[in-house]
Protein backbone atom coordinates (compact mmCIF):
# COMPACT_ATOMS: atom_id res chain seq x y z
CA UNK A 1 155.14 -2.10 50.95
CA UNK A 2 154.49 -3.83 54.36
CA UNK A 3 157.58 -4.75 56.35
CA UNK A 4 158.27 -6.72 59.42
CA UNK A 5 162.06 -5.98 60.07
CA UNK A 6 163.90 -8.47 62.20
CA UNK A 7 164.99 -7.80 65.73
CA UNK A 8 168.63 -7.21 64.87
CA UNK A 9 167.93 -4.02 62.83
CA UNK A 10 164.26 -2.94 63.82
CA UNK A 11 165.03 -0.37 66.43
CA UNK A 12 168.33 0.96 64.99
CA UNK A 13 168.89 4.13 63.06
CA UNK A 14 169.58 2.21 59.76
CA UNK A 15 166.47 0.07 60.47
CA UNK A 16 164.19 3.14 60.77
CA UNK A 17 165.48 4.61 57.64
CA UNK A 18 165.30 1.21 55.64
CA UNK A 19 161.63 0.97 56.99
CA UNK A 20 160.67 4.29 55.86
CA UNK A 21 162.11 3.64 52.40
CA UNK A 22 160.67 0.40 51.80
CA UNK A 23 157.13 1.46 52.91
CA UNK A 24 157.29 3.89 50.02
CA UNK A 25 157.86 1.37 47.25
CA UNK A 26 154.70 0.39 45.59
CA UNK A 27 156.23 -2.43 43.16
CA UNK A 28 155.22 -0.42 40.19
CA UNK A 29 158.40 -1.37 38.25
CA UNK A 30 159.00 2.07 36.46
CA UNK A 31 162.52 1.82 37.86
CA UNK A 32 163.42 -1.24 35.77
CA UNK A 33 162.86 0.58 32.49
CA UNK A 34 165.77 2.99 33.38
CA UNK A 35 168.18 0.61 35.03
CA UNK A 36 171.28 -0.18 33.05
CA UNK A 37 172.10 -3.48 34.71
CA UNK A 38 168.49 -4.72 34.23
CA UNK A 39 168.67 -3.72 30.47
CA UNK A 40 171.89 -5.65 30.18
CA UNK A 41 171.12 -8.76 32.08
CA UNK A 42 167.43 -8.95 31.88
CA UNK A 43 167.07 -10.34 35.42
CA UNK A 44 164.62 -8.85 37.70
CA UNK A 45 167.06 -9.32 40.59
CA UNK A 46 169.58 -7.24 38.72
CA UNK A 47 167.09 -4.25 38.64
CA UNK A 48 166.03 -1.77 41.45
CA UNK A 49 162.62 -3.60 42.17
CA UNK A 50 164.33 -7.08 42.57
CA UNK A 51 167.17 -5.59 44.73
CA UNK A 52 164.64 -3.88 47.11
CA UNK A 53 163.02 -7.35 47.38
CA UNK A 54 166.24 -9.13 48.30
CA UNK A 55 167.28 -6.21 50.83
CA UNK A 56 163.81 -6.59 52.42
CA UNK A 57 164.07 -10.16 52.77
CA UNK A 58 167.54 -9.84 54.53
CA UNK A 59 166.22 -7.17 56.88
CA UNK A 60 163.31 -9.27 57.64
CA UNK A 61 165.63 -12.06 58.82
CA UNK A 62 166.13 -14.35 55.84
CA UNK A 63 169.83 -15.30 55.38
CA UNK A 64 171.51 -13.93 52.28
CA UNK A 65 173.73 -15.87 50.13
CA UNK A 66 176.69 -15.16 47.84
CA UNK A 67 174.14 -14.86 45.05
CA UNK A 68 172.37 -12.22 47.05
CA UNK A 69 175.52 -10.29 47.35
CA UNK A 70 176.27 -10.58 43.72
CA UNK A 71 173.04 -8.91 42.64
CA UNK A 72 173.74 -5.96 44.99
CA UNK A 73 177.37 -5.90 43.86
CA UNK A 74 176.23 -5.53 40.20
CA UNK A 75 174.28 -2.38 40.99
CA UNK A 76 176.03 0.87 39.87
CA UNK A 77 174.46 2.95 42.40
CA UNK A 78 173.59 5.35 39.45
CA UNK A 79 170.37 6.26 40.95
CA UNK A 80 168.46 6.58 37.69
CA UNK A 81 165.73 4.70 39.38
CA UNK A 82 165.41 7.44 41.95
CA UNK A 83 164.74 9.96 38.93
CA UNK A 84 162.08 7.54 37.59
CA UNK A 85 160.50 6.55 40.85
CA UNK A 86 156.98 8.35 41.25
CA UNK A 87 156.88 7.34 45.04
CA UNK A 88 160.27 9.04 46.00
CA UNK A 89 162.02 5.82 47.08
CA UNK A 90 165.50 6.71 48.17
CA UNK A 91 167.03 3.63 46.73
CA UNK A 92 170.71 4.52 47.18
CA UNK A 93 170.46 5.00 50.89
CA UNK A 94 168.44 1.58 51.10
CA UNK A 95 171.10 -0.05 49.03
CA UNK A 96 173.98 1.19 51.28
CA UNK A 97 172.18 -0.28 54.47
CA UNK A 98 171.57 -3.63 52.61
CA UNK A 99 175.02 -4.06 51.32
CA UNK A 100 176.49 -3.38 54.66
CA UNK A 101 174.21 -5.88 56.27
CA UNK A 102 175.03 -8.44 53.45
CA UNK A 103 178.69 -7.91 53.80
CA UNK A 104 178.50 -8.71 57.61
CA UNK A 105 176.49 -11.83 57.02
CA UNK A 106 178.32 -13.14 53.95
CA UNK A 107 182.01 -12.23 54.38
CA UNK A 108 184.08 -11.97 51.24
CA UNK A 109 186.86 -14.43 50.61
CA UNK A 110 190.00 -14.66 48.54
CA UNK A 111 190.86 -12.20 45.93
CA UNK A 112 187.71 -10.38 46.14
CA UNK A 113 188.24 -9.55 49.73
CA UNK A 114 191.85 -8.51 49.01
CA UNK A 115 191.07 -6.29 46.03
CA UNK A 116 188.28 -4.38 47.98
CA UNK A 117 190.60 -3.89 50.99
CA UNK A 118 193.28 -2.44 48.74
CA UNK A 119 190.83 -0.05 47.14
CA UNK A 120 189.59 1.12 50.57
CA UNK A 121 193.06 1.67 51.87
CA UNK A 122 194.74 2.99 48.67
CA UNK A 123 192.35 5.20 46.77
CA UNK A 124 191.33 7.60 49.46
CA UNK A 125 195.00 8.38 50.43
CA UNK A 126 195.70 11.39 47.97
CA UNK A 127 199.48 11.23 48.85
CA UNK A 128 199.86 7.52 48.15
CA UNK A 129 197.52 7.61 45.20
CA UNK A 130 199.46 10.55 43.64
CA UNK A 131 202.79 8.90 43.99
CA UNK A 132 201.42 5.75 42.36
CA UNK A 133 200.05 7.79 39.57
CA UNK A 134 203.50 9.38 39.01
CA UNK A 135 205.00 5.86 38.90
CA UNK A 136 202.24 4.53 36.71
CA UNK A 137 202.77 7.28 34.07
CA UNK A 138 206.55 6.32 33.81
CA UNK A 139 205.78 2.67 33.01
CA UNK A 140 202.28 3.28 31.39
CA UNK A 141 203.02 1.36 28.24
CA UNK A 142 203.83 -1.77 30.07
CA UNK A 143 200.72 -1.78 32.29
CA UNK A 144 197.82 -4.26 31.69
CA UNK A 145 194.88 -2.64 29.96
CA UNK A 146 192.72 -2.50 33.00
CA UNK A 147 195.35 -0.43 34.85
CA UNK A 148 196.45 1.73 31.86
CA UNK A 149 192.73 2.87 31.58
CA UNK A 150 193.11 4.38 35.04
CA UNK A 151 196.36 6.28 34.24
CA UNK A 152 195.66 9.25 32.08
CA UNK A 153 198.35 11.19 30.44
CA UNK A 154 199.41 14.26 32.46
CA UNK A 155 198.21 17.66 31.38
CA UNK A 156 199.43 20.99 32.73
CA UNK A 157 197.11 22.56 35.22
CA UNK A 158 198.09 26.27 34.58
CA UNK A 159 198.23 28.95 37.28
CA UNK A 160 195.97 29.25 40.18
CA UNK A 161 194.81 32.83 40.76
CA UNK A 162 195.96 34.48 43.97
CA UNK A 163 192.92 35.25 46.50
CA UNK A 164 191.90 38.88 45.77
CA UNK A 165 188.19 38.95 45.90
CA UNK A 166 185.73 39.72 48.75
CA UNK A 167 183.63 36.79 47.60
CA UNK A 168 185.46 33.55 48.76
CA UNK A 169 184.70 29.89 48.44
CA UNK A 170 186.34 26.62 49.33
CA UNK A 171 187.11 23.76 46.96
CA UNK A 172 187.43 20.14 47.66
CA UNK A 173 190.65 18.75 46.30
CA UNK A 174 189.60 15.09 46.72
CA UNK A 175 191.62 12.03 46.58
CA UNK A 176 192.26 11.03 42.85
CA UNK A 177 191.61 14.29 41.07
CA UNK A 178 194.54 16.04 42.12
CA UNK A 179 196.85 13.37 40.63
CA UNK A 180 194.67 12.46 37.64
CA UNK A 181 193.54 15.90 36.42
CA UNK A 182 194.89 18.97 38.55
CA UNK A 183 193.84 21.01 35.62
CA UNK A 184 190.09 20.76 36.70
CA UNK A 185 190.32 22.63 40.04
CA UNK A 186 192.85 25.10 38.59
CA UNK A 187 190.42 25.84 35.69
CA UNK A 188 187.65 26.32 38.10
CA UNK A 189 189.61 28.73 39.97
CA UNK A 190 190.45 30.84 37.00
CA UNK A 191 186.79 30.85 35.74
CA UNK A 192 185.49 31.94 39.17
CA UNK A 193 188.26 34.57 39.48
CA UNK A 194 186.97 36.11 36.18
CA UNK A 195 183.70 36.27 37.77
CA UNK A 196 184.87 38.00 40.91
CA UNK A 197 185.22 34.89 43.27
CA UNK A 198 188.36 33.64 44.78
CA UNK A 199 188.51 29.78 45.14
CA UNK A 200 190.98 27.94 47.52
CA UNK A 201 191.50 24.47 48.91
CA UNK A 202 191.67 24.16 52.62
CA UNK A 203 194.75 22.21 54.04
CA UNK A 204 193.80 18.92 55.49
CA UNK A 205 190.99 18.15 53.25
CA UNK A 206 190.72 14.92 51.06
CA UNK A 207 188.60 12.11 50.06
CA UNK A 208 184.96 12.91 50.34
CA UNK A 209 184.30 9.53 52.01
CA UNK A 210 182.48 7.92 49.02
CA UNK A 211 185.14 5.25 48.27
CA UNK A 212 185.15 3.69 51.68
CA UNK A 213 181.49 4.28 52.42
CA UNK A 214 180.27 2.51 49.05
CA UNK A 215 182.70 -0.32 49.79
CA UNK A 216 181.06 -0.99 53.11
CA UNK A 217 183.54 0.55 55.38
CA UNK A 218 181.21 2.91 56.90
CA UNK A 219 183.40 3.84 59.89
CA UNK A 220 186.23 4.61 57.45
CA UNK A 221 183.98 6.70 55.26
CA UNK A 222 182.76 8.68 58.44
CA UNK A 223 186.38 9.35 59.44
CA UNK A 224 187.13 10.72 55.96
CA UNK A 225 183.95 12.96 56.29
CA UNK A 226 184.73 14.23 59.79
CA UNK A 227 188.41 15.06 58.42
CA UNK A 228 186.90 17.25 55.85
CA UNK A 229 184.49 18.93 58.18
CA UNK A 230 187.34 19.80 60.48
CA UNK A 231 189.45 21.17 57.72
CA UNK A 232 186.47 23.43 56.50
CA UNK A 233 184.87 24.35 59.70
CA UNK A 234 187.04 27.23 60.78
CA UNK A 235 186.51 29.24 57.61
CA UNK A 236 182.83 28.38 57.73
CA UNK A 237 182.59 29.32 61.53
CA UNK A 238 184.14 32.57 60.95
CA UNK A 239 181.76 33.28 57.93
CA UNK A 240 184.70 33.67 55.53
CA UNK A 241 183.37 31.48 52.71
CA UNK A 242 179.85 31.46 51.14
CA UNK A 243 180.09 28.11 49.59
CA UNK A 244 182.11 24.76 49.34
CA UNK A 245 182.54 24.11 45.72
CA UNK A 246 182.60 20.64 44.09
CA UNK A 247 184.06 20.07 40.74
CA UNK A 248 183.46 16.41 40.78
CA UNK A 249 179.74 15.60 41.06
CA UNK A 250 180.42 12.16 42.68
CA UNK A 251 181.98 14.03 45.60
CA UNK A 252 179.19 16.54 45.53
CA UNK A 253 176.50 14.00 45.93
CA UNK A 254 178.23 12.31 48.83
CA UNK A 255 178.96 15.68 50.71
CA UNK A 256 175.42 16.71 50.20
CA UNK A 257 174.54 13.59 52.21
CA UNK A 258 176.92 14.24 55.10
CA UNK A 259 174.01 15.73 57.14
CA UNK A 260 172.07 12.44 56.76
CA UNK A 261 175.05 10.11 57.35
CA UNK A 262 176.33 11.96 60.41
CA UNK A 263 172.81 12.91 61.80
CA UNK A 264 173.24 10.80 64.96
CA UNK A 265 176.71 12.02 65.93
CA UNK A 266 176.56 14.27 68.84
CA UNK A 267 179.90 16.16 67.91
CA UNK A 268 179.39 16.37 64.05
CA UNK A 269 175.71 16.29 63.36
CA UNK A 270 175.25 20.04 63.13
CA UNK A 271 178.45 20.69 61.52
CA UNK A 272 177.63 18.05 58.94
CA UNK A 273 174.24 19.53 58.18
CA UNK A 274 175.82 23.00 57.71
CA UNK A 275 178.39 21.73 55.38
CA UNK A 276 175.82 19.89 53.33
CA UNK A 277 173.80 23.11 52.97
CA UNK A 278 177.04 24.99 51.88
CA UNK A 279 177.96 22.37 49.17
CA UNK A 280 177.38 23.56 45.66
CA UNK A 281 178.46 21.89 42.33
CA UNK A 282 180.54 24.49 40.47
CA UNK A 283 177.88 24.72 37.67
CA UNK A 284 175.44 26.18 40.15
CA UNK A 285 178.07 28.98 41.02
CA UNK A 286 178.75 29.72 37.37
CA UNK A 287 175.09 29.47 36.18
CA UNK A 288 174.24 32.25 38.73
CA UNK A 289 176.74 34.43 36.86
CA UNK A 290 175.69 33.47 33.46
CA UNK A 291 174.92 37.02 32.18
CA UNK A 292 178.40 38.24 33.12
CA UNK A 293 179.93 35.08 31.90
CA UNK A 294 178.10 35.19 28.53
CA UNK A 295 179.23 38.89 28.04
CA UNK A 296 182.86 38.12 28.60
CA UNK A 297 182.70 35.08 26.32
CA UNK A 298 181.17 37.10 23.43
CA UNK A 299 184.05 39.59 23.73
CA UNK A 300 186.55 36.70 23.22
CA UNK A 301 184.70 35.08 20.29
CA UNK A 302 185.61 31.58 19.24
CA UNK A 303 184.58 29.10 16.65
CA UNK A 304 181.42 26.95 17.03
CA UNK A 305 182.53 23.37 18.09
CA UNK A 306 180.27 20.35 17.98
CA UNK A 307 180.31 18.71 21.46
CA UNK A 308 178.64 15.83 23.12
CA UNK A 309 177.67 16.25 26.77
CA UNK A 310 177.58 13.31 29.14
CA UNK A 311 175.96 14.15 32.38
CA UNK A 312 177.18 12.03 35.32
CA UNK A 313 174.70 9.99 37.25
CA UNK A 314 175.74 11.89 40.37
CA UNK A 315 174.93 15.14 38.76
CA UNK A 316 171.65 14.34 37.06
CA UNK A 317 170.17 11.73 39.42
CA UNK A 318 172.21 12.28 42.64
CA UNK A 319 172.27 16.18 42.81
CA UNK A 320 169.14 16.41 40.57
CA UNK A 321 170.98 19.24 38.41
CA UNK A 322 169.93 19.26 34.86
CA UNK A 323 170.36 21.90 32.14
CA UNK A 324 172.63 24.23 33.77
CA UNK A 325 175.96 22.91 32.15
CA UNK A 326 174.32 22.69 28.83
CA UNK A 327 173.37 26.49 29.13
CA UNK A 328 176.96 27.35 29.95
CA UNK A 329 178.46 25.45 27.18
CA UNK A 330 176.01 26.98 24.63
CA UNK A 331 176.96 30.39 25.99
CA UNK A 332 180.61 29.65 25.34
CA UNK A 333 179.91 28.81 21.73
CA UNK A 334 179.68 24.97 21.71
CA UNK A 335 177.07 23.25 19.73
CA UNK A 336 175.69 20.44 21.63
CA UNK A 337 174.88 17.21 19.66
CA UNK A 338 171.95 15.08 20.61
CA UNK A 339 172.73 12.05 22.73
CA UNK A 340 170.26 9.19 23.03
CA UNK A 341 169.56 7.51 26.40
CA UNK A 342 171.39 10.57 28.16
CA UNK A 343 170.06 9.17 31.42
CA UNK A 344 172.06 6.05 31.34
CA UNK A 345 175.36 5.46 33.35
CA UNK A 346 178.68 5.32 31.44
CA UNK A 347 179.82 2.38 33.63
CA UNK A 348 182.44 4.15 35.74
CA UNK A 349 180.60 4.36 38.98
CA UNK A 350 183.49 4.72 41.28
CA UNK A 351 185.34 1.53 41.82
CA UNK A 352 182.63 -0.35 39.76
CA UNK A 353 184.84 -0.35 36.56
CA UNK A 354 187.57 -2.30 38.36
CA UNK A 355 185.28 -4.56 40.37
CA UNK A 356 182.82 -5.28 37.50
CA UNK A 357 184.92 -4.71 34.37
CA UNK A 358 182.74 -6.57 31.77
CA UNK A 359 179.54 -4.93 32.62
CA UNK A 360 181.44 -1.54 33.09
CA UNK A 361 183.06 -1.72 29.67
CA UNK A 362 179.85 -2.86 27.81
CA UNK A 363 178.08 0.34 29.27
CA UNK A 364 181.05 2.49 28.24
CA UNK A 365 180.96 1.16 24.59
CA UNK A 366 177.30 1.98 24.56
CA UNK A 367 177.66 5.44 25.98
CA UNK A 368 180.62 6.29 23.62
CA UNK A 369 178.53 5.10 20.60
CA UNK A 370 175.60 7.40 21.63
CA UNK A 371 177.99 10.33 22.34
CA UNK A 372 179.57 9.82 18.94
CA UNK A 373 176.40 9.62 16.86
CA UNK A 374 176.01 13.47 16.44
CA UNK A 375 179.54 14.06 15.05
CA UNK A 376 180.97 15.73 18.20
CA UNK A 377 184.53 16.43 18.12
CA UNK A 378 184.64 16.85 21.97
CA UNK A 379 183.02 15.15 24.84
CA UNK A 380 182.35 16.93 28.10
CA UNK A 381 181.45 15.73 31.58
CA UNK A 382 181.47 16.73 35.17
CA UNK A 383 183.05 13.97 37.09
CA UNK A 384 186.78 12.69 37.10
CA UNK A 385 185.60 8.99 37.11
CA UNK A 386 183.43 9.53 34.06
CA UNK A 387 186.07 11.54 32.27
CA UNK A 388 188.80 8.97 32.78
CA UNK A 389 186.54 5.96 32.05
CA UNK A 390 185.30 7.47 28.83
CA UNK A 391 188.68 8.69 27.59
CA UNK A 392 190.09 5.25 27.96
CA UNK A 393 187.66 3.96 25.22
CA UNK A 394 187.96 6.85 22.66
CA UNK A 395 190.54 8.97 20.94
CA UNK A 396 187.98 11.91 20.89
CA UNK A 397 189.03 14.32 23.82
CA UNK A 398 187.03 14.16 26.99
CA UNK A 399 187.31 17.21 29.32
CA UNK A 400 185.66 18.56 32.25
CA UNK A 401 183.20 21.25 31.14
CA UNK A 402 184.79 23.86 33.28
CA UNK A 403 188.03 23.31 31.46
CA UNK A 404 186.16 24.19 28.12
CA UNK A 405 184.81 27.35 29.61
CA UNK A 406 188.27 28.25 30.94
CA UNK A 407 189.81 27.58 27.45
CA UNK A 408 187.32 30.05 25.89
CA UNK A 409 187.63 32.70 28.62
CA UNK A 410 191.41 32.50 29.21
CA UNK A 411 192.86 30.90 26.13
CA UNK A 412 194.19 27.80 27.92
CA UNK A 413 194.39 24.72 25.65
CA UNK A 414 191.77 22.17 25.75
């Protein structure tokens, strides 16, 4: 695709990235076939190719409108298009740039502006979010449905093993997961402990930066990223940890991008690149130990259980990790049921389920129907947003896959 970027962005860092991405697009349209919003709405401008065209127009100097912004807002950033694209177009990065420019040129008004400000300032603050979650659970029965969906019932996390192994890794606590499902990181710590790895959370870490970054507060997102780097860097610099483990694939996809996002920061560029290199999804760690794990699981036994696996978009399209979790669940004695359209998004997509509830719920209903067709009595996923979103629409238990491995290994309830 030929480009003629406008003066306001041509010679900037974002302009150079956008130009490189746009030039890779050949208009083939393969991406539209796997785009959830295009499938639902049937509008070319609600698919990746159309949105790329809109962003190109804006970056070449055409004035965007509220309609332009709406088409970009409707994108889930699921990045299914990136998995489909034969030309390697990094659509997610281009969308971040386009949304940021459009936001500046077409400022939001009224309730839309207030809601997005509230999400940017509230969700990433783990302490504030945790206090609100506790309060929400006390009055859960009186909450409107859209909020009740985001207030899961509390489940005990169980003990966290003391550090005792030579192999050590850091874990991201995150912003919402400690309050919504503290059992996930605790389960990961127990599973890794069984495999001879000690996992711990570094004080001072928090939100990965995705919430603010994808709500177009790029400065706030970078501040969150730098805070995490500062929290982890002493242990990294001393060589005390071999990896930074992600139990939320959405956070993992964001942190793997730290090196790109902070590439021009003179103080953080090298550190950010190293952090991205060290970041691993927990499935990568456990898969590397699958022979040891399988032996221990066989010793404990367990009844075969039909299970439907939902691969989060951030895992399969963002991190490009496919098949590993399925191998682990099969080794643990779960019988994976077939799931049609497994590449499609469940509709959670971070804050999308709050900002685009109609589209989000339609996608959730379709995903739950697909997950239930094989007769599964459990659903597993790998991201707190997907887990919470799916659980709000079904009575079938939805759990993080690491919790299921922990249950089989250590006898903790599912």
